[in-house]
Amino acid sequence: FGLMKKGKVVAGGSPSEAALEAAPETQVGIITASAWSWDIDTPASKAFAKAYWEEFKAVPPAQGAQAYLGAMMLFSAIEKAGSTKVERIAEALKGSTYDGPYGVVRISPKDNSMRTPAVLTETQLAPPNPFGAKIIKKVLVHLKPEEIGPAE
């Protein structure tokens, strides 16, 4: 279809920020979908990126934001269930929400799937930034959970 003449297309969420930083000049122009990028300009996103940098002294990765969100959903479900029993946690997760680095995510009580926002990004050489990153997954489009399905 000629897509590769206009840009590099990669599966959602990859390559990682660490991989991009290894050879940034060769990674420009990759278009990808991801749950998060440190380019998201919200207070929650900025707070997560800052905290990640302060803890690890590494460019904040999308995988880190996703892991954080998953852990927070689990901790919230354990608290709601009042138990660490799998059955109670599973029940507590149904319909649960968490407002994290990339917005509100929800576990559908209908099919137990996570409904999450996403971003379409393009890798570009990074402007000056607090992380010393040489390359950025620049946000092109913000997608709402209902835009990326599945429908409920």
Protein backbone atom coordinates (compact mmCIF):
# COMPACT_ATOMS: atom_id res chain seq x y z
CA PHE A 1 0.00 0.00 0.00
CA GLY A 2 3.03 2.31 0.05
CA LEU A 3 2.80 2.97 3.79
CA MET A 4 6.49 2.33 4.40
CA LYS A 5 7.35 5.13 1.94
CA LYS A 6 5.62 7.59 4.28
CA GLY A 7 6.71 6.22 7.65
CA LYS A 8 7.79 3.20 9.62
CA VAL A 9 4.83 1.28 11.00
CA VAL A 10 5.34 -0.84 14.11
CA ALA A 11 3.01 -2.90 16.30
CA GLY A 12 1.38 -1.09 19.21
CA GLY A 13 3.60 0.04 22.03
CA SER A 14 6.95 -0.90 20.55
CA PRO A 15 9.82 -0.21 20.44
CA SER A 16 10.50 0.64 24.07
CA GLU A 17 11.90 3.98 25.11
CA ALA A 18 15.18 2.25 26.07
CA ALA A 19 15.48 0.74 22.59
CA LEU A 20 14.74 4.09 20.98
CA GLU A 21 17.42 5.81 23.06
CA ALA A 22 20.06 3.28 21.95
CA ALA A 23 20.13 4.69 18.41
CA PRO A 24 17.71 7.63 18.20
CA GLU A 25 18.76 8.89 14.77
CA THR A 26 17.74 5.56 13.21
CA GLN A 27 14.39 5.46 15.00
CA VAL A 28 12.78 8.64 13.67
CA GLY A 29 9.43 8.25 11.93
CA ILE A 30 8.05 5.16 13.67
CA ILE A 31 4.30 5.38 14.04
CA THR A 32 2.83 3.34 16.85
CA ALA A 33 -0.10 3.08 19.21
CA SER A 34 0.51 3.05 22.93
CA ALA A 35 -1.32 3.59 26.17
CA TRP A 36 1.11 6.31 27.28
CA SER A 37 3.95 8.59 26.26
CA TRP A 38 5.76 11.11 28.41
CA ASP A 39 4.55 13.62 25.81
CA ILE A 40 0.99 13.44 27.23
CA ASP A 41 0.37 16.87 28.70
CA THR A 42 -1.77 16.24 31.79
CA PRO A 43 -0.96 16.69 35.49
CA ALA A 44 -1.21 12.92 36.14
CA SER A 45 1.08 12.08 33.21
CA LYS A 46 3.63 14.70 34.20
CA ALA A 47 3.57 13.53 37.84
CA PHE A 48 4.15 9.90 36.81
CA ALA A 49 7.00 10.83 34.45
CA LYS A 50 8.66 12.98 37.11
CA ALA A 51 8.33 10.28 39.79
CA TYR A 52 9.66 7.62 37.43
CA TRP A 53 12.66 9.77 36.52
CA GLU A 54 13.39 10.56 40.17
CA GLU A 55 13.25 6.88 41.14
CA PHE A 56 15.09 5.26 38.23
CA LYS A 57 17.00 8.06 36.42
CA ALA A 58 15.77 6.63 33.11
CA VAL A 59 13.48 7.93 30.39
CA PRO A 60 9.95 7.09 31.59
CA PRO A 61 8.65 4.19 29.44
CA ALA A 62 5.12 3.37 28.36
CA GLN A 63 5.64 -0.11 29.84
CA GLY A 64 6.36 1.50 33.22
CA ALA A 65 3.12 3.49 33.09
CA GLN A 66 1.18 0.36 32.14
CA ALA A 67 2.77 -1.68 34.93
CA TYR A 68 2.04 1.08 37.43
CA LEU A 69 -1.58 1.27 36.34
CA GLY A 70 -2.00 -2.52 36.54
CA ALA A 71 -0.52 -2.60 40.03
CA MET A 72 -2.74 0.25 41.21
CA MET A 73 -5.82 -1.50 39.82
CA LEU A 74 -4.81 -4.66 41.70
CA PHE A 75 -4.11 -2.81 44.97
CA SER A 76 -7.46 -0.99 44.70
CA ALA A 77 -9.27 -4.29 44.08
CA ILE A 78 -7.59 -5.94 47.09
CA GLU A 79 -8.64 -3.00 49.25
CA LYS A 80 -12.21 -3.10 47.89
CA ALA A 81 -12.39 -6.90 48.34
CA GLY A 82 -10.92 -6.73 51.82
CA SER A 83 -9.06 -9.89 50.87
CA THR A 84 -6.22 -11.34 48.81
CA LYS A 85 -8.34 -14.30 47.71
CA VAL A 86 -8.38 -14.56 43.92
CA GLU A 87 -12.16 -14.92 43.64
CA ARG A 88 -12.81 -11.82 45.74
CA ILE A 89 -10.24 -9.76 43.85
CA ALA A 90 -11.71 -10.85 40.51
CA GLU A 91 -15.16 -9.78 41.66
CA ALA A 92 -13.85 -6.46 42.99
CA LEU A 93 -12.16 -5.71 39.66
CA LYS A 94 -15.46 -5.89 37.73
CA GLY A 95 -16.50 -2.34 36.91
CA SER A 96 -13.53 -0.85 38.76
CA THR A 97 -11.82 2.28 37.51
CA TYR A 98 -8.52 4.00 38.11
CA ASP A 99 -7.42 7.46 37.02
CA GLY A 100 -3.75 7.09 36.19
CA PRO A 101 -0.98 8.50 34.01
CA TYR A 102 -2.97 8.15 30.78
CA GLY A 103 -6.48 8.79 32.04
CA VAL A 104 -9.32 6.76 33.44
CA VAL A 105 -9.25 3.04 32.75
CA ARG A 106 -12.09 0.68 33.57
CA ILE A 107 -12.57 -3.05 33.81
CA SER A 108 -15.78 -3.94 32.01
CA PRO A 109 -18.15 -5.98 34.17
CA LYS A 110 -19.52 -7.46 30.92
CA ASP A 111 -16.36 -9.13 29.61
CA ASN A 112 -13.61 -8.32 32.16
CA SER A 113 -11.62 -6.44 29.50
CA MET A 114 -9.83 -3.22 30.33
CA ARG A 115 -11.16 -0.16 28.56
CA THR A 116 -8.31 2.28 28.25
CA PRO A 117 -7.42 5.43 26.38
CA ALA A 118 -4.51 5.29 23.93
CA VAL A 119 -2.33 7.56 21.86
CA LEU A 120 -1.06 7.33 18.32
CA THR A 121 2.55 8.53 18.30
CA GLU A 122 5.40 9.21 15.92
CA THR A 123 9.02 9.04 17.00
CA GLN A 124 10.87 12.32 16.61
CA LEU A 125 14.15 13.71 17.86
CA ALA A 126 13.30 15.12 21.28
CA PRO A 127 13.32 18.77 22.21
CA PRO A 128 15.15 19.63 25.46
CA ASN A 129 13.44 17.72 28.28
CA PRO A 130 13.97 16.90 31.96
CA PHE A 131 14.84 13.26 31.23
CA GLY A 132 17.70 13.85 28.80
CA ALA A 133 15.78 11.83 26.20
CA LYS A 134 17.14 12.03 22.67
CA ILE A 135 13.92 10.80 21.07
CA ILE A 136 10.25 11.16 21.91
CA LYS A 137 7.07 9.31 21.03
CA LYS A 138 5.28 12.51 19.99
CA VAL A 139 1.53 12.27 20.49
CA LEU A 140 -0.35 12.73 17.22
CA VAL A 141 -3.84 11.64 18.30
CA HIS A 142 -5.56 10.90 21.61
CA LEU A 143 -8.02 7.99 21.42
CA LYS A 144 -10.85 7.42 23.87
CA PRO A 145 -11.62 3.88 25.08
CA GLU A 146 -14.89 3.80 23.16
CA GLU A 147 -13.02 4.61 19.94
CA ILE A 148 -10.79 1.55 20.17
CA GLY A 149 -13.35 -1.01 21.37
CA PRO A 150 -14.61 -3.49 21.92
CA ALA A 151 -18.10 -2.04 22.14
CA GLU A 152 -20.17 -2.87 25.19
